[in-house]
């Protein structure tokens, strides 16, 4: 159970980072 929670948290963080990278890429263009 705890392991599953940590993995979902890592996935959420990864998605957030990808969105942030996407924003910065748009600003850079």
PDB file of N, CA and C in Angstrom:
ATOM      1  N   UNK A   1       0.836  -1.206   0.000  1.00  0.00           N
ATOM      2  CA  UNK A   1       0.000   0.000   0.000  1.00  0.00           C
ATOM      3  C   UNK A   1       0.877   1.265   0.000  1.00  0.00           C
ATOM      4  N   UNK A   2       1.782   1.330   0.958  1.00  0.00           N
ATOM      5  CA  UNK A   2       2.667   2.498   1.026  1.00  0.00           C
ATOM      6  C   UNK A   2       3.500   2.627  -0.249  1.00  0.00           C
ATOM      7  N   UNK A   3       3.984   1.488  -0.737  1.00  0.00           N
ATOM      8  CA  UNK A   3       4.791   1.507  -1.959  1.00  0.00           C
ATOM      9  C   UNK A   3       3.988   2.067  -3.127  1.00  0.00           C
ATOM     10  N   UNK A   4       2.725   1.662  -3.202  1.00  0.00           N
ATOM     11  CA  UNK A   4       1.879   2.130  -4.289  1.00  0.00           C
ATOM     12  C   UNK A   4       1.695   3.649  -4.189  1.00  0.00           C
ATOM     13  N   UNK A   5       1.532   4.135  -2.990  1.00  0.00           N
ATOM     14  CA  UNK A   5       1.362   5.582  -2.807  1.00  0.00           C
ATOM     15  C   UNK A   5       2.607   6.338  -3.281  1.00  0.00           C
ATOM     16  N   UNK A   6       3.760   5.836  -2.930  1.00  0.00           N
ATOM     17  CA  UNK A   6       4.983   6.529  -3.334  1.00  0.00           C
ATOM     18  C   UNK A   6       5.157   6.503  -4.852  1.00  0.00           C
ATOM     19  N   UNK A   7       4.798   5.410  -5.477  1.00  0.00           N
ATOM     20  CA  UNK A   7       4.951   5.338  -6.937  1.00  0.00           C
ATOM     21  C   UNK A   7       4.007   6.324  -7.613  1.00  0.00           C
ATOM     22  N   UNK A   8       2.783   6.434  -7.128  1.00  0.00           N
ATOM     23  CA  UNK A   8       1.847   7.383  -7.746  1.00  0.00           C
ATOM     24  C   UNK A   8       2.344   8.809  -7.528  1.00  0.00           C
ATOM     25  N   UNK A   9       2.920   9.063  -6.366  1.00  0.00           N
ATOM     26  CA  UNK A   9       3.450  10.404  -6.095  1.00  0.00           C
ATOM     27  C   UNK A   9       4.591  10.708  -7.062  1.00  0.00           C
ATOM     28  N   UNK A  10       5.442   9.742  -7.290  1.00  0.00           N
ATOM     29  CA  UNK A  10       6.558   9.930  -8.232  1.00  0.00           C
ATOM     30  C   UNK A  10       6.007  10.189  -9.635  1.00  0.00           C
ATOM     31  N   UNK A  11       4.973   9.460 -10.012  1.00  0.00           N
ATOM     32  CA  UNK A  11       4.375   9.669 -11.341  1.00  0.00           C
ATOM     33  C   UNK A  11       3.797  11.070 -11.446  1.00  0.00           C
ATOM     34  N   UNK A  12       3.133  11.537 -10.403  1.00  0.00           N
ATOM     35  CA  UNK A  12       2.552  12.890 -10.423  1.00  0.00           C
ATOM     36  C   UNK A  12       3.656  13.928 -10.560  1.00  0.00           C
ATOM     37  N   UNK A  13       4.724  13.746  -9.801  1.00  0.00           N
ATOM     38  CA  UNK A  13       5.847  14.693  -9.870  1.00  0.00           C
ATOM     39  C   UNK A  13       6.435  14.691 -11.278  1.00  0.00           C
ATOM     40  N   UNK A  14       6.555  13.497 -11.858  1.00  0.00           N
ATOM     41  CA  UNK A  14       7.113  13.391 -13.214  1.00  0.00           C
ATOM     42  C   UNK A  14       6.227  14.144 -14.205  1.00  0.00           C
ATOM     43  N   UNK A  15       4.929  13.964 -14.101  1.00  0.00           N
ATOM     44  CA  UNK A  15       4.003  14.652 -15.017  1.00  0.00           C
ATOM     45  C   UNK A  15       4.110  16.163 -14.820  1.00  0.00           C
ATOM     46  N   UNK A  16       4.186  16.596 -13.577  1.00  0.00           N
ATOM     47  CA  UNK A  16       4.304  18.034 -13.311  1.00  0.00           C
ATOM     48  C   UNK A  16       5.584  18.582 -13.938  1.00  0.00           C
ATOM     49  N   UNK A  17       6.678  17.856 -13.812  1.00  0.00           N
ATOM     50  CA  UNK A  17       7.943  18.305 -14.394  1.00  0.00           C
ATOM     51  C   UNK A  17       7.830  18.366 -15.911  1.00  0.00           C
ATOM     52  N   UNK A  18       7.169  17.396 -16.498  1.00  0.00           N
ATOM     53  CA  UNK A  18       7.010  17.409 -17.959  1.00  0.00           C
ATOM     54  C   UNK A  18       6.191  18.625 -18.388  1.00  0.00           C
ATOM     55  N   UNK A  19       5.143  18.942 -17.627  1.00  0.00           N
ATOM     56  CA  UNK A  19       4.334  20.120 -17.966  1.00  0.00           C
ATOM     57  C   UNK A  19       5.167  21.387 -17.841  1.00  0.00           C
ATOM     58  N   UNK A  20       5.981  21.473 -16.792  1.00  0.00           N
ATOM     59  CA  UNK A  20       6.826  22.653 -16.610  1.00  0.00           C
ATOM     60  C   UNK A  20       7.817  22.770 -17.760  1.00  0.00           C
ATOM     61  N   UNK A  21       8.414  21.661 -18.156  1.00  0.00           N
ATOM     62  CA  UNK A  21       9.351  21.677 -19.287  1.00  0.00           C
ATOM     63  C   UNK A  21       8.630  22.125 -20.552  1.00  0.00           C
ATOM     64  N   UNK A  22       7.404  21.672 -20.719  1.00  0.00           N
ATOM     65  CA  UNK A  22       6.625  22.051 -21.893  1.00  0.00           C
ATOM     66  C   UNK A  22       6.393  23.566 -21.900  1.00  0.00           C
ATOM     67  N   UNK A  23       6.055  24.117 -20.748  1.00  0.00           N
ATOM     68  CA  UNK A  23       5.844  25.572 -20.647  1.00  0.00           C
ATOM     69  C   UNK A  23       7.117  26.321 -21.002  1.00  0.00           C
ATOM     70  N   UNK A  24       8.234  25.911 -20.428  1.00  0.00           N
ATOM     71  CA  UNK A  24       9.488  26.619 -20.697  1.00  0.00           C
ATOM     72  C   UNK A  24       9.874  26.494 -22.166  1.00  0.00           C
ATOM     73  N   UNK A  25       9.599  25.366 -22.765  1.00  0.00           N
ATOM     74  CA  UNK A  25       9.918  25.181 -24.186  1.00  0.00           C
ATOM     75  C   UNK A  25       9.101  26.152 -25.028  1.00  0.00           C
ATOM     76  N   UNK A  26       7.833  26.322 -24.689  1.00  0.00           N
ATOM     77  CA  UNK A  26       6.987  27.257 -25.447  1.00  0.00           C
ATOM     78  C   UNK A  26       7.520  28.673 -25.278  1.00  0.00           C
ATOM     79  N   UNK A  27       7.925  29.033 -24.066  1.00  0.00           N
ATOM     80  CA  UNK A  27       8.450  30.381 -23.820  1.00  0.00           C
ATOM     81  C   UNK A  27       9.763  30.593 -24.576  1.00  0.00           C
ATOM     82  N   UNK A  28      10.552  29.547 -24.700  1.00  0.00           N
ATOM     83  CA  UNK A  28      11.850  29.683 -25.371  1.00  0.00           C
ATOM     84  C   UNK A  28      11.681  29.888 -26.871  1.00  0.00           C
ATOM     85  N   UNK A  29      10.638  29.318 -27.457  1.00  0.00           N
ATOM     86  CA  UNK A  29      10.451  29.411 -28.915  1.00  0.00           C
ATOM     87  C   UNK A  29      10.044  30.836 -29.298  1.00  0.00           C
TER      88      UNK A  29
END
